[in-house]
Amino acid sequence: LYLAGGIVAKNIDYFQKSPVFMRYFESSYRKNM
């Protein structure tokens, strides 16, 4: 899954160094999901 666009490219630290993005990415009401 690829994130494109200037917003993400200019704010990489928010995505790589903070757990916020991945915490929400992995969240699901189903454990298997």
PDB file of all heavy atoms in Angstrom:
ATOM      1  N   LEU A   1       0.878  -1.164   0.000  1.00  0.00           N
ATOM      2  CA  LEU A   1       0.000   0.000   0.000  1.00  0.00           C
ATOM      3  C   LEU A   1       0.916   1.214   0.000  1.00  0.00           C
ATOM      4  O   LEU A   1       1.777   1.353   0.875  1.00  0.00           O
ATOM      5  CB  LEU A   1      -0.896   0.018   1.231  1.00  0.00           C
ATOM      6  CG  LEU A   1      -1.791   1.256   1.388  1.00  0.00           C
ATOM      7  CD1 LEU A   1      -2.870   1.277   0.314  1.00  0.00           C
ATOM      8  CD2 LEU A   1      -2.431   1.304   2.770  1.00  0.00           C
ATOM      9  N   TYR A   2       0.739   2.102  -0.969  1.00  0.00           N
ATOM     10  CA  TYR A   2       1.662   3.223  -1.174  1.00  0.00           C
ATOM     11  C   TYR A   2       0.935   4.537  -0.931  1.00  0.00           C
ATOM     12  O   TYR A   2      -0.167   4.751  -1.443  1.00  0.00           O
ATOM     13  CB  TYR A   2       2.218   3.178  -2.595  1.00  0.00           C
ATOM     14  CG  TYR A   2       3.084   1.964  -2.834  1.00  0.00           C
ATOM     15  CD1 TYR A   2       2.505   0.728  -3.131  1.00  0.00           C
ATOM     16  CD2 TYR A   2       4.466   2.028  -2.726  1.00  0.00           C
ATOM     17  CE1 TYR A   2       3.289  -0.408  -3.312  1.00  0.00           C
ATOM     18  CE2 TYR A   2       5.255   0.901  -2.915  1.00  0.00           C
ATOM     19  CZ  TYR A   2       4.654  -0.306  -3.205  1.00  0.00           C
ATOM     20  OH  TYR A   2       5.443  -1.429  -3.384  1.00  0.00           O
ATOM     21  N   LEU A   3       1.569   5.409  -0.147  1.00  0.00           N
ATOM     22  CA  LEU A   3       1.014   6.723   0.161  1.00  0.00           C
ATOM     23  C   LEU A   3       1.701   7.751  -0.732  1.00  0.00           C
ATOM     24  O   LEU A   3       2.924   7.917  -0.675  1.00  0.00           O
ATOM     25  CB  LEU A   3       1.233   7.079   1.628  1.00  0.00           C
ATOM     26  CG  LEU A   3       0.798   6.042   2.670  1.00  0.00           C
ATOM     27  CD1 LEU A   3       1.006   6.609   4.075  1.00  0.00           C
ATOM     28  CD2 LEU A   3      -0.651   5.625   2.471  1.00  0.00           C
ATOM     29  N   ALA A   4       0.913   8.418  -1.561  1.00  0.00           N
ATOM     30  CA  ALA A   4       1.451   9.381  -2.515  1.00  0.00           C
ATOM     31  C   ALA A   4       1.051  10.796  -2.106  1.00  0.00           C
ATOM     32  O   ALA A   4       0.246  11.009  -1.200  1.00  0.00           O
ATOM     33  CB  ALA A   4       0.917   9.067  -3.914  1.00  0.00           C
ATOM     34  N   GLY A   5       1.628  11.776  -2.802  1.00  0.00           N
ATOM     35  CA  GLY A   5       1.237  13.169  -2.590  1.00  0.00           C
ATOM     36  C   GLY A   5       2.225  13.929  -1.728  1.00  0.00           C
ATOM     37  O   GLY A   5       2.978  13.362  -0.935  1.00  0.00           O
ATOM     38  N   GLY A   6       2.202  15.247  -1.903  1.00  0.00           N
ATOM     39  CA  GLY A   6       3.171  16.102  -1.222  1.00  0.00           C
ATOM     40  C   GLY A   6       2.998  16.161   0.281  1.00  0.00           C
ATOM     41  O   GLY A   6       3.969  16.350   1.010  1.00  0.00           O
ATOM     42  N   ILE A   7       1.772  15.998   0.780  1.00  0.00           N
ATOM     43  CA  ILE A   7       1.561  16.129   2.225  1.00  0.00           C
ATOM     44  C   ILE A   7       2.343  15.068   2.981  1.00  0.00           C
ATOM     45  O   ILE A   7       3.042  15.366   3.954  1.00  0.00           O
ATOM     46  CB  ILE A   7       0.061  16.055   2.567  1.00  0.00           C
ATOM     47  CG1 ILE A   7      -0.693  17.235   1.954  1.00  0.00           C
ATOM     48  CG2 ILE A   7      -0.133  16.036   4.085  1.00  0.00           C
ATOM     49  CD1 ILE A   7      -2.199  17.186   2.151  1.00  0.00           C
ATOM     50  N   VAL A   8       2.239  13.820   2.535  1.00  0.00           N
ATOM     51  CA  VAL A   8       2.947  12.752   3.247  1.00  0.00           C
ATOM     52  C   VAL A   8       4.454  12.872   3.041  1.00  0.00           C
ATOM     53  O   VAL A   8       5.238  12.679   3.981  1.00  0.00           O
ATOM     54  CB  VAL A   8       2.421  11.361   2.824  1.00  0.00           C
ATOM     55  CG1 VAL A   8       2.664  11.084   1.357  1.00  0.00           C
ATOM     56  CG2 VAL A   8       3.054  10.265   3.669  1.00  0.00           C
ATOM     57  N   ALA A   9       4.888  13.214   1.824  1.00  0.00           N
ATOM     58  CA  ALA A   9       6.328  13.303   1.547  1.00  0.00           C
ATOM     59  C   ALA A   9       7.003  14.411   2.356  1.00  0.00           C
ATOM     60  O   ALA A   9       8.178  14.305   2.717  1.00  0.00           O
ATOM     61  CB  ALA A   9       6.564  13.522   0.052  1.00  0.00           C
ATOM     62  N   LYS A  10       6.243  15.479   2.652  1.00  0.00           N
ATOM     63  CA  LYS A  10       6.810  16.607   3.394  1.00  0.00           C
ATOM     64  C   LYS A  10       6.682  16.442   4.909  1.00  0.00           C
ATOM     65  O   LYS A  10       7.211  17.260   5.665  1.00  0.00           O
ATOM     66  CB  LYS A  10       6.121  17.907   2.965  1.00  0.00           C
ATOM     67  CG  LYS A  10       6.432  18.307   1.524  1.00  0.00           C
ATOM     68  CD  LYS A  10       5.575  19.478   1.090  1.00  0.00           C
ATOM     69  CE  LYS A  10       5.820  19.821  -0.375  1.00  0.00           C
ATOM     70  NZ  LYS A  10       4.895  20.874  -0.865  1.00  0.00           N
ATOM     71  N   ASN A  11       5.977  15.410   5.342  1.00  0.00           N
ATOM     72  CA  ASN A  11       5.753  15.202   6.781  1.00  0.00           C
ATOM     73  C   ASN A  11       6.038  13.758   7.173  1.00  0.00           C
ATOM     74  O   ASN A  11       5.300  13.147   7.945  1.00  0.00           O
ATOM     75  CB  ASN A  11       4.310  15.576   7.140  1.00  0.00           C
ATOM     76  CG  ASN A  11       4.001  17.040   6.920  1.00  0.00           C
ATOM     77  OD1 ASN A  11       4.320  17.892   7.746  1.00  0.00           O
ATOM     78  ND2 ASN A  11       3.366  17.342   5.794  1.00  0.00           N
ATOM     79  N   ILE A  12       7.147  13.222   6.663  1.00  0.00           N
ATOM     80  CA  ILE A  12       7.462  11.810   6.846  1.00  0.00           C
ATOM     81  C   ILE A  12       7.577  11.439   8.323  1.00  0.00           C
ATOM     82  O   ILE A  12       7.150  10.361   8.742  1.00  0.00           O
ATOM     83  CB  ILE A  12       8.751  11.441   6.083  1.00  0.00           C
ATOM     84  CG1 ILE A  12       8.453  11.409   4.578  1.00  0.00           C
ATOM     85  CG2 ILE A  12       9.298  10.089   6.538  1.00  0.00           C
ATOM     86  CD1 ILE A  12       9.648  11.082   3.720  1.00  0.00           C
ATOM     87  N   ASP A  13       8.133  12.319   9.125  1.00  0.00           N
ATOM     88  CA  ASP A  13       8.340  11.981  10.543  1.00  0.00           C
ATOM     89  C   ASP A  13       7.028  11.635  11.251  1.00  0.00           C
ATOM     90  O   ASP A  13       7.005  10.780  12.142  1.00  0.00           O
ATOM     91  CB  ASP A  13       9.030  13.135  11.275  1.00  0.00           C
ATOM     92  CG  ASP A  13      10.525  13.176  10.987  1.00  0.00           C
ATOM     93  OD1 ASP A  13      11.014  12.272  10.279  1.00  0.00           O
ATOM     94  OD2 ASP A  13      11.196  14.111  11.455  1.00  0.00           O
ATOM     95  N   TYR A  14       5.938  12.307  10.876  1.00  0.00           N
ATOM     96  CA  TYR A  14       4.648  12.011  11.496  1.00  0.00           C
ATOM     97  C   TYR A  14       4.214  10.569  11.220  1.00  0.00           C
ATOM     98  O   TYR A  14       3.486   9.962  12.005  1.00  0.00           O
ATOM     99  CB  TYR A  14       3.572  12.963  10.988  1.00  0.00           C
ATOM    100  CG  TYR A  14       3.476  14.265  11.751  1.00  0.00           C
ATOM    101  CD1 TYR A  14       3.858  15.462  11.166  1.00  0.00           C
ATOM    102  CD2 TYR A  14       3.007  14.294  13.059  1.00  0.00           C
ATOM    103  CE1 TYR A  14       3.766  16.666  11.863  1.00  0.00           C
ATOM    104  CE2 TYR A  14       2.908  15.484  13.763  1.00  0.00           C
ATOM    105  CZ  TYR A  14       3.293  16.668  13.161  1.00  0.00           C
ATOM    106  OH  TYR A  14       3.203  17.849  13.858  1.00  0.00           O
ATOM    107  N   PHE A  15       4.640  10.025  10.086  1.00  0.00           N
ATOM    108  CA  PHE A  15       4.250   8.680   9.700  1.00  0.00           C
ATOM    109  C   PHE A  15       5.245   7.628  10.193  1.00  0.00           C
ATOM    110  O   PHE A  15       4.852   6.533  10.573  1.00  0.00           O
ATOM    111  CB  PHE A  15       4.132   8.591   8.180  1.00  0.00           C
ATOM    112  CG  PHE A  15       3.006   9.410   7.611  1.00  0.00           C
ATOM    113  CD1 PHE A  15       3.169  10.761   7.350  1.00  0.00           C
ATOM    114  CD2 PHE A  15       1.780   8.829   7.344  1.00  0.00           C
ATOM    115  CE1 PHE A  15       2.132  11.520   6.834  1.00  0.00           C
ATOM    116  CE2 PHE A  15       0.730   9.579   6.827  1.00  0.00           C
ATOM    117  CZ  PHE A  15       0.907  10.930   6.572  1.00  0.00           C
ATOM    118  N   GLN A  16       6.527   7.972  10.166  1.00  0.00           N
ATOM    119  CA  GLN A  16       7.550   6.985  10.512  1.00  0.00           C
ATOM    120  C   GLN A  16       7.874   6.937  11.997  1.00  0.00           C
ATOM    121  O   GLN A  16       8.078   5.858  12.554  1.00  0.00           O
ATOM    122  CB  GLN A  16       8.838   7.296   9.735  1.00  0.00           C
ATOM    123  CG  GLN A  16       8.880   6.689   8.348  1.00  0.00           C
ATOM    124  CD  GLN A  16      10.304   6.471   7.908  1.00  0.00           C
ATOM    125  OE1 GLN A  16      11.127   7.378   7.965  1.00  0.00           O
ATOM    126  NE2 GLN A  16      10.611   5.269   7.479  1.00  0.00           N
ATOM    127  N   LYS A  17       7.954   8.092  12.643  1.00  0.00           N
ATOM    128  CA  LYS A  17       8.440   8.138  14.016  1.00  0.00           C
ATOM    129  C   LYS A  17       7.323   8.150  15.057  1.00  0.00           C
ATOM    130  O   LYS A  17       7.565   7.868  16.224  1.00  0.00           O
ATOM    131  CB  LYS A  17       9.344   9.360  14.204  1.00  0.00           C
ATOM    132  CG  LYS A  17      10.612   9.293  13.357  1.00  0.00           C
ATOM    133  CD  LYS A  17      11.514  10.486  13.597  1.00  0.00           C
ATOM    134  CE  LYS A  17      12.794  10.404  12.750  1.00  0.00           C
ATOM    135  NZ  LYS A  17      13.659  11.578  12.963  1.00  0.00           N
ATOM    136  N   SER A  18       6.119   8.499  14.641  1.00  0.00           N
ATOM    137  CA  SER A  18       4.982   8.499  15.559  1.00  0.00           C
ATOM    138  C   SER A  18       4.169   7.231  15.335  1.00  0.00           C
ATOM    139  O   SER A  18       4.012   6.781  14.199  1.00  0.00           O
ATOM    140  CB  SER A  18       4.107   9.731  15.314  1.00  0.00           C
ATOM    141  OG  SER A  18       2.849   9.580  15.954  1.00  0.00           O
ATOM    142  N   PRO A  19       3.625   6.638  16.396  1.00  0.00           N
ATOM    143  CA  PRO A  19       2.818   5.416  16.234  1.00  0.00           C
ATOM    144  C   PRO A  19       1.387   5.687  15.799  1.00  0.00           C
ATOM    145  O   PRO A  19       0.625   4.751  15.568  1.00  0.00           O
ATOM    146  CB  PRO A  19       2.844   4.814  17.641  1.00  0.00           C
ATOM    147  CG  PRO A  19       2.937   6.012  18.546  1.00  0.00           C
ATOM    148  CD  PRO A  19       3.807   7.000  17.813  1.00  0.00           C
ATOM    149  N   VAL A  20       0.998   6.975  15.672  1.00  0.00           N
ATOM    150  CA  VAL A  20      -0.408   7.310  15.446  1.00  0.00           C
ATOM    151  C   VAL A  20      -0.934   6.694  14.159  1.00  0.00           C
ATOM    152  O   VAL A  20      -1.990   6.052  14.148  1.00  0.00           O
ATOM    153  CB  VAL A  20      -0.612   8.846  15.427  1.00  0.00           C
ATOM    154  CG1 VAL A  20      -2.033   9.192  14.990  1.00  0.00           C
ATOM    155  CG2 VAL A  20      -0.323   9.432  16.798  1.00  0.00           C
ATOM    156  N   PHE A  21      -0.223   6.878  13.049  1.00  0.00           N
ATOM    157  CA  PHE A  21      -0.717   6.373  11.763  1.00  0.00           C
ATOM    158  C   PHE A  21      -0.956   4.871  11.827  1.00  0.00           C
ATOM    159  O   PHE A  21      -2.036   4.383  11.492  1.00  0.00           O
ATOM    160  CB  PHE A  21       0.276   6.707  10.638  1.00  0.00           C
ATOM    161  CG  PHE A  21      -0.105   6.099   9.311  1.00  0.00           C
ATOM    162  CD1 PHE A  21      -0.950   6.767   8.454  1.00  0.00           C
ATOM    163  CD2 PHE A  21       0.374   4.847   8.935  1.00  0.00           C
ATOM    164  CE1 PHE A  21      -1.330   6.200   7.244  1.00  0.00           C
ATOM    165  CE2 PHE A  21       0.008   4.276   7.724  1.00  0.00           C
ATOM    166  CZ  PHE A  21      -0.847   4.954   6.871  1.00  0.00           C
ATOM    167  N   MET A  22       0.058   4.124  12.262  1.00  0.00           N
ATOM    168  CA  MET A  22      -0.059   2.668  12.253  1.00  0.00           C
ATOM    169  C   MET A  22      -1.043   2.149  13.287  1.00  0.00           C
ATOM    170  O   MET A  22      -1.689   1.119  13.076  1.00  0.00           O
ATOM    171  CB  MET A  22       1.304   2.016  12.461  1.00  0.00           C
ATOM    172  CG  MET A  22       2.028   1.673  11.189  1.00  0.00           C
ATOM    173  SD  MET A  22       1.053   0.561  10.143  1.00  0.00           S
ATOM    174  CE  MET A  22       1.999   0.629   8.635  1.00  0.00           C
ATOM    175  N   ARG A  23      -1.181   2.854  14.402  1.00  0.00           N
ATOM    176  CA  ARG A  23      -2.148   2.418  15.410  1.00  0.00           C
ATOM    177  C   ARG A  23      -3.559   2.438  14.825  1.00  0.00           C
ATOM    178  O   ARG A  23      -4.344   1.512  15.029  1.00  0.00           O
ATOM    179  CB  ARG A  23      -2.046   3.310  16.644  1.00  0.00           C
ATOM    180  CG  ARG A  23      -2.695   2.696  17.887  1.00  0.00           C
ATOM    181  CD  ARG A  23      -2.247   3.366  19.157  1.00  0.00           C
ATOM    182  NE  ARG A  23      -2.543   4.790  19.159  1.00  0.00           N
ATOM    183  CZ  ARG A  23      -1.656   5.741  19.402  1.00  0.00           C
ATOM    184  NH1 ARG A  23      -0.398   5.442  19.653  1.00  0.00           N
ATOM    185  NH2 ARG A  23      -2.003   7.018  19.389  1.00  0.00           N
ATOM    186  N   TYR A  24      -3.871   3.491  14.076  1.00  0.00           N
ATOM    187  CA  TYR A  24      -5.191   3.572  13.444  1.00  0.00           C
ATOM    188  C   TYR A  24      -5.280   2.641  12.236  1.00  0.00           C
ATOM    189  O   TYR A  24      -6.349   2.082  11.967  1.00  0.00           O
ATOM    190  CB  TYR A  24      -5.497   5.020  13.036  1.00  0.00           C
ATOM    191  CG  TYR A  24      -6.047   5.849  14.170  1.00  0.00           C
ATOM    192  CD1 TYR A  24      -5.206   6.471  15.087  1.00  0.00           C
ATOM    193  CD2 TYR A  24      -7.426   5.986  14.348  1.00  0.00           C
ATOM    194  CE1 TYR A  24      -5.706   7.225  16.139  1.00  0.00           C
ATOM    195  CE2 TYR A  24      -7.941   6.741  15.391  1.00  0.00           C
ATOM    196  CZ  TYR A  24      -7.079   7.356  16.286  1.00  0.00           C
ATOM    197  OH  TYR A  24      -7.587   8.094  17.335  1.00  0.00           O
ATOM    198  N   PHE A  25      -4.170   2.481  11.510  1.00  0.00           N
ATOM    199  CA  PHE A  25      -4.170   1.591  10.345  1.00  0.00           C
ATOM    200  C   PHE A  25      -4.514   0.162  10.749  1.00  0.00           C
ATOM    201  O   PHE A  25      -5.295  -0.513  10.063  1.00  0.00           O
ATOM    202  CB  PHE A  25      -2.790   1.627   9.675  1.00  0.00           C
ATOM    203  CG  PHE A  25      -2.665   0.699   8.493  1.00  0.00           C
ATOM    204  CD1 PHE A  25      -3.117   1.085   7.241  1.00  0.00           C
ATOM    205  CD2 PHE A  25      -2.088  -0.553   8.633  1.00  0.00           C
ATOM    206  CE1 PHE A  25      -3.011   0.227   6.147  1.00  0.00           C
ATOM    207  CE2 PHE A  25      -1.975  -1.419   7.547  1.00  0.00           C
ATOM    208  CZ  PHE A  25      -2.435  -1.023   6.307  1.00  0.00           C
ATOM    209  N   GLU A  26      -3.955  -0.295  11.839  1.00  0.00           N
ATOM    210  CA  GLU A  26      -4.135  -1.695  12.246  1.00  0.00           C
ATOM    211  C   GLU A  26      -5.436  -1.939  13.017  1.00  0.00           C
ATOM    212  O   GLU A  26      -5.782  -3.088  13.299  1.00  0.00           O
ATOM    213  CB  GLU A  26      -2.950  -2.134  13.117  1.00  0.00           C
ATOM    214  CG  GLU A  26      -1.629  -2.193  12.381  1.00  0.00           C
ATOM    215  CD  GLU A  26      -0.480  -2.602  13.298  1.00  0.00           C
ATOM    216  OE1 GLU A  26      -0.730  -2.806  14.501  1.00  0.00           O
ATOM    217  OE2 GLU A  26       0.659  -2.691  12.808  1.00  0.00           O
ATOM    218  N   SER A  27      -6.155  -0.886  13.351  1.00  0.00           N
ATOM    219  CA  SER A  27      -7.335  -1.031  14.213  1.00  0.00           C
ATOM    220  C   SER A  27      -8.516  -1.635  13.457  1.00  0.00           C
ATOM    221  O   SER A  27      -8.858  -1.211  12.352  1.00  0.00           O
ATOM    222  CB  SER A  27      -7.727   0.339  14.775  1.00  0.00           C
ATOM    223  OG  SER A  27      -8.879   0.238  15.577  1.00  0.00           O
ATOM    224  N   SER A  28      -9.129  -2.636  14.058  1.00  0.00           N
ATOM    225  CA  SER A  28     -10.333  -3.242  13.501  1.00  0.00           C
ATOM    226  C   SER A  28     -11.151  -3.854  14.633  1.00  0.00           C
ATOM    227  O   SER A  28     -10.608  -4.261  15.660  1.00  0.00           O
ATOM    228  CB  SER A  28      -9.983  -4.324  12.479  1.00  0.00           C
ATOM    229  OG  SER A  28     -11.147  -5.019  12.057  1.00  0.00           O
ATOM    230  N   TYR A  29     -12.448  -3.941  14.422  1.00  0.00           N
ATOM    231  CA  TYR A  29     -13.313  -4.576  15.422  1.00  0.00           C
ATOM    232  C   TYR A  29     -13.147  -6.092  15.415  1.00  0.00           C
ATOM    233  O   TYR A  29     -13.598  -6.776  16.329  1.00  0.00           O
ATOM    234  CB  TYR A  29     -14.776  -4.192  15.177  1.00  0.00           C
ATOM    235  CG  TYR A  29     -15.463  -4.957  14.068  1.00  0.00           C
ATOM    236  CD1 TYR A  29     -16.459  -5.891  14.360  1.00  0.00           C
ATOM    237  CD2 TYR A  29     -15.117  -4.753  12.724  1.00  0.00           C
ATOM    238  CE1 TYR A  29     -17.090  -6.594  13.349  1.00  0.00           C
ATOM    239  CE2 TYR A  29     -15.745  -5.441  11.714  1.00  0.00           C
ATOM    240  CZ  TYR A  29     -16.729  -6.365  12.022  1.00  0.00           C
ATOM    241  OH  TYR A  29     -17.346  -7.052  11.008  1.00  0.00           O
ATOM    242  N   ARG A  30     -12.479  -6.635  14.368  1.00  0.00           N
ATOM    243  CA  ARG A  30     -12.239  -8.068  14.274  1.00  0.00           C
ATOM    244  C   ARG A  30     -10.748  -8.349  14.407  1.00  0.00           C
ATOM    245  O   ARG A  30      -9.933  -7.794  13.664  1.00  0.00           O
ATOM    246  CB  ARG A  30     -12.738  -8.608  12.923  1.00  0.00           C
ATOM    247  CG  ARG A  30     -14.236  -8.506  12.703  1.00  0.00           C
ATOM    248  CD  ARG A  30     -15.012  -9.499  13.543  1.00  0.00           C
ATOM    249  NE  ARG A  30     -14.714 -10.875  13.167  1.00  0.00           N
ATOM    250  CZ  ARG A  30     -15.409 -11.539  12.235  1.00  0.00           C
ATOM    251  NH1 ARG A  30     -16.430 -10.961  11.609  1.00  0.00           N
ATOM    252  NH2 ARG A  30     -15.095 -12.785  11.958  1.00  0.00           N
ATOM    253  N   LYS A  31     -10.376  -9.220  15.339  1.00  0.00           N
ATOM    254  CA  LYS A  31      -8.966  -9.528  15.578  1.00  0.00           C
ATOM    255  C   LYS A  31      -8.297 -10.104  14.330  1.00  0.00           C
ATOM    256  O   LYS A  31      -7.151  -9.776  14.018  1.00  0.00           O
ATOM    257  CB  LYS A  31      -8.830 -10.518  16.737  1.00  0.00           C
ATOM    258  CG  LYS A  31      -7.385 -10.776  17.153  1.00  0.00           C
ATOM    259  CD  LYS A  31      -7.324 -11.688  18.372  1.00  0.00           C
ATOM    260  CE  LYS A  31      -5.888 -11.834  18.866  1.00  0.00           C
ATOM    261  NZ  LYS A  31      -5.018 -12.455  17.857  1.00  0.00           N
ATOM    262  N   ASN A  32      -9.029 -10.937  13.584  1.00  0.00           N
ATOM    263  CA  ASN A  32      -8.399 -11.532  12.398  1.00  0.00           C
ATOM    264  C   ASN A  32      -8.149 -10.486  11.317  1.00  0.00           C
ATOM    265  O   ASN A  32      -7.205 -10.612  10.522  1.00  0.00           O
ATOM    266  CB  ASN A  32      -9.244 -12.691  11.850  1.00  0.00           C
ATOM    267  CG  ASN A  32     -10.643 -12.274  11.462  1.00  0.00           C
ATOM    268  OD1 ASN A  32     -11.189 -11.312  11.983  1.00  0.00           O
ATOM    269  ND2 ASN A  32     -11.251 -13.009  10.536  1.00  0.00           N
ATOM    270  N   MET A  33      -8.956  -9.411  11.283  1.00  0.00           N
ATOM    271  CA  MET A  33      -8.706  -8.335  10.330  1.00  0.00           C
ATOM    272  C   MET A  33      -7.499  -7.506  10.762  1.00  0.00           C
ATOM    273  O   MET A  33      -6.711  -7.063   9.926  1.00  0.00           O
ATOM    274  CB  MET A  33      -9.931  -7.434  10.196  1.00  0.00           C
ATOM    275  CG  MET A  33     -11.125  -8.109   9.550  1.00  0.00           C
ATOM    276  SD  MET A  33     -10.810  -8.639   7.840  1.00  0.00           S
ATOM    277  CE  MET A  33     -10.598 -10.422   8.071  1.00  0.00           C
TER     278      MET A  33
END
